[in-house]
Amino acid sequence: MYLDEQDSTPYESVIEVFAVCNYGGRVTDLIDERLIMGLLRSYMHKEIMNCKYKYNTTGEYFNPEDLTLEGINTMLGKLPRDDDPAIFGMHPNAMITC
């Protein structure tokens, strides 16, 4: 209802709700809360509404253009089986420890 009442998407408010209200009861460390806020800011902003938006530099993770169920399933089937650390903002060497 809150989002429906707004003229545009209040991304900062949505991030606050997710990071503090939703996870706030489980994440008690302020540093961890800051981390969650930072991660959410990377993925929740006005540019994500662009069909061509890429979530990482290699372009493997992107918004699908075809928003039908079949189109989304096709796009998901093309994603790598193991997530690239870059999608989480980490260096590729992060896979070495996994």
C-alpha atoms as a PDB file:
ATOM      1  CA  MET A   1       0.000   0.000   0.000  1.00  0.00           C
ATOM      2  CA  TYR A   2       2.880   2.326   0.822  1.00  0.00           C
ATOM      3  CA  LEU A   3       4.403   1.901  -2.635  1.00  0.00           C
ATOM      4  CA  ASP A   4       1.034   2.380  -4.336  1.00  0.00           C
ATOM      5  CA  GLU A   5       0.590   5.720  -2.555  1.00  0.00           C
ATOM      6  CA  GLN A   6       3.904   7.115  -3.880  1.00  0.00           C
ATOM      7  CA  ASP A   7       4.366   9.002  -7.158  1.00  0.00           C
ATOM      8  CA  SER A   8       7.699   7.240  -7.720  1.00  0.00           C
ATOM      9  CA  THR A   9       9.453   4.342  -6.043  1.00  0.00           C
ATOM     10  CA  PRO A  10      11.117   5.532  -2.820  1.00  0.00           C
ATOM     11  CA  TYR A  11      14.170   3.280  -3.085  1.00  0.00           C
ATOM     12  CA  GLU A  12      15.839   4.615   0.074  1.00  0.00           C
ATOM     13  CA  SER A  13      12.686   3.899   2.082  1.00  0.00           C
ATOM     14  CA  VAL A  14      12.393   0.398   0.620  1.00  0.00           C
ATOM     15  CA  ILE A  15      16.055  -0.284   1.439  1.00  0.00           C
ATOM     16  CA  GLU A  16      15.493   0.965   4.985  1.00  0.00           C
ATOM     17  CA  VAL A  17      12.463  -1.306   5.400  1.00  0.00           C
ATOM     18  CA  PHE A  18      14.345  -4.344   4.114  1.00  0.00           C
ATOM     19  CA  ALA A  19      17.609  -3.739   5.954  1.00  0.00           C
ATOM     20  CA  VAL A  20      16.420  -2.348   9.275  1.00  0.00           C
ATOM     21  CA  CYS A  21      12.830  -3.456   9.744  1.00  0.00           C
ATOM     22  CA  ASN A  22      12.929  -6.849   8.057  1.00  0.00           C
ATOM     23  CA  TYR A  23      16.422  -7.948   9.098  1.00  0.00           C
ATOM     24  CA  GLY A  24      16.767  -5.572  12.031  1.00  0.00           C
ATOM     25  CA  GLY A  25      15.520  -8.134  14.498  1.00  0.00           C
ATOM     26  CA  ARG A  26      18.038 -10.701  13.289  1.00  0.00           C
ATOM     27  CA  VAL A  27      21.011  -8.507  12.468  1.00  0.00           C
ATOM     28  CA  THR A  28      22.062  -6.868  15.688  1.00  0.00           C
ATOM     29  CA  ASP A  29      25.556  -5.730  14.729  1.00  0.00           C
ATOM     30  CA  LEU A  30      25.638  -2.181  13.308  1.00  0.00           C
ATOM     31  CA  ILE A  31      28.453  -3.081  10.903  1.00  0.00           C
ATOM     32  CA  ASP A  32      26.391  -5.954   9.487  1.00  0.00           C
ATOM     33  CA  GLU A  33      23.408  -3.639   9.156  1.00  0.00           C
ATOM     34  CA  ARG A  34      25.578  -1.179   7.204  1.00  0.00           C
ATOM     35  CA  LEU A  35      26.710  -4.047   4.977  1.00  0.00           C
ATOM     36  CA  ILE A  36      23.117  -5.051   4.226  1.00  0.00           C
ATOM     37  CA  MET A  37      22.250  -1.422   3.429  1.00  0.00           C
ATOM     38  CA  GLY A  38      25.236  -1.200   1.065  1.00  0.00           C
ATOM     39  CA  LEU A  39      24.346  -4.417  -0.731  1.00  0.00           C
ATOM     40  CA  LEU A  40      20.734  -3.385  -1.130  1.00  0.00           C
ATOM     41  CA  ARG A  41      21.793  -0.003  -2.527  1.00  0.00           C
ATOM     42  CA  SER A  42      23.756  -1.897  -5.181  1.00  0.00           C
ATOM     43  CA  TYR A  43      20.652  -3.755  -6.327  1.00  0.00           C
ATOM     44  CA  MET A  44      17.746  -1.432  -5.525  1.00  0.00           C
ATOM     45  CA  HIS A  45      17.862   1.826  -7.471  1.00  0.00           C
ATOM     46  CA  LYS A  46      16.149   3.555 -10.372  1.00  0.00           C
ATOM     47  CA  GLU A  47      18.425   2.038 -13.045  1.00  0.00           C
ATOM     48  CA  ILE A  48      17.244  -1.525 -12.335  1.00  0.00           C
ATOM     49  CA  MET A  49      13.987  -0.684 -14.103  1.00  0.00           C
ATOM     50  CA  ASN A  50      15.935  -0.439 -17.381  1.00  0.00           C
ATOM     51  CA  CYS A  51      15.543  -3.655 -19.395  1.00  0.00           C
ATOM     52  CA  LYS A  52      19.194  -3.475 -20.423  1.00  0.00           C
ATOM     53  CA  TYR A  53      20.533  -3.084 -16.851  1.00  0.00           C
ATOM     54  CA  LYS A  54      23.470  -5.379 -16.073  1.00  0.00           C
ATOM     55  CA  TYR A  55      24.177  -6.356 -12.475  1.00  0.00           C
ATOM     56  CA  ASN A  56      27.843  -7.152 -13.057  1.00  0.00           C
ATOM     57  CA  THR A  57      30.618  -6.079 -15.409  1.00  0.00           C
ATOM     58  CA  THR A  58      30.664  -9.332 -17.391  1.00  0.00           C
ATOM     59  CA  GLY A  59      26.986  -8.946 -18.292  1.00  0.00           C
ATOM     60  CA  GLU A  60      25.961 -12.463 -17.230  1.00  0.00           C
ATOM     61  CA  TYR A  61      23.394 -11.102 -14.795  1.00  0.00           C
ATOM     62  CA  PHE A  62      20.852  -8.749 -16.340  1.00  0.00           C
ATOM     63  CA  ASN A  63      17.189  -7.851 -16.385  1.00  0.00           C
ATOM     64  CA  PRO A  64      15.239 -10.011 -18.827  1.00  0.00           C
ATOM     65  CA  GLU A  65      13.607  -8.219 -21.731  1.00  0.00           C
ATOM     66  CA  ASP A  66      10.945 -10.905 -22.145  1.00  0.00           C
ATOM     67  CA  LEU A  67       8.900 -10.788 -18.934  1.00  0.00           C
ATOM     68  CA  THR A  68       6.716 -13.774 -19.765  1.00  0.00           C
ATOM     69  CA  LEU A  69       7.133 -16.849 -17.591  1.00  0.00           C
ATOM     70  CA  GLU A  70       8.750 -18.707 -20.488  1.00  0.00           C
ATOM     71  CA  GLY A  71      11.122 -15.807 -21.203  1.00  0.00           C
ATOM     72  CA  ILE A  72      12.206 -15.552 -17.574  1.00  0.00           C
ATOM     73  CA  ASN A  73      12.709 -19.337 -17.348  1.00  0.00           C
ATOM     74  CA  THR A  74      14.842 -19.235 -20.508  1.00  0.00           C
ATOM     75  CA  MET A  75      16.951 -16.403 -19.094  1.00  0.00           C
ATOM     76  CA  LEU A  76      17.381 -18.202 -15.759  1.00  0.00           C
ATOM     77  CA  GLY A  77      18.470 -21.356 -17.595  1.00  0.00           C
ATOM     78  CA  LYS A  78      21.324 -19.398 -19.176  1.00  0.00           C
ATOM     79  CA  LEU A  79      22.733 -18.196 -15.858  1.00  0.00           C
ATOM     80  CA  PRO A  80      25.925 -19.866 -14.633  1.00  0.00           C
ATOM     81  CA  ARG A  81      25.497 -22.736 -12.193  1.00  0.00           C
ATOM     82  CA  ASP A  82      28.023 -21.217  -9.778  1.00  0.00           C
ATOM     83  CA  ASP A  83      27.648 -17.530  -8.991  1.00  0.00           C
ATOM     84  CA  ASP A  84      30.511 -15.280  -9.993  1.00  0.00           C
ATOM     85  CA  PRO A  85      31.841 -13.415  -6.925  1.00  0.00           C
ATOM     86  CA  ALA A  86      31.633 -10.180  -8.961  1.00  0.00           C
ATOM     87  CA  ILE A  87      27.838 -10.244  -8.653  1.00  0.00           C
ATOM     88  CA  PHE A  88      28.367  -9.697  -4.919  1.00  0.00           C
ATOM     89  CA  GLY A  89      31.026  -7.040  -5.479  1.00  0.00           C
ATOM     90  CA  MET A  90      33.888  -9.379  -4.614  1.00  0.00           C
ATOM     91  CA  HIS A  91      37.152 -10.103  -6.390  1.00  0.00           C
ATOM     92  CA  PRO A  92      37.255 -13.330  -8.496  1.00  0.00           C
ATOM     93  CA  ASN A  93      39.782 -14.748  -6.034  1.00  0.00           C
ATOM     94  CA  ALA A  94      36.921 -15.094  -3.548  1.00  0.00           C
ATOM     95  CA  MET A  95      36.131 -18.434  -5.216  1.00  0.00           C
ATOM     96  CA  ILE A  96      39.502 -19.793  -4.122  1.00  0.00           C
ATOM     97  CA  THR A  97      38.367 -20.090  -0.525  1.00  0.00           C
ATOM     98  CA  CYS A  98      35.082 -21.818  -1.404  1.00  0.00           C
END
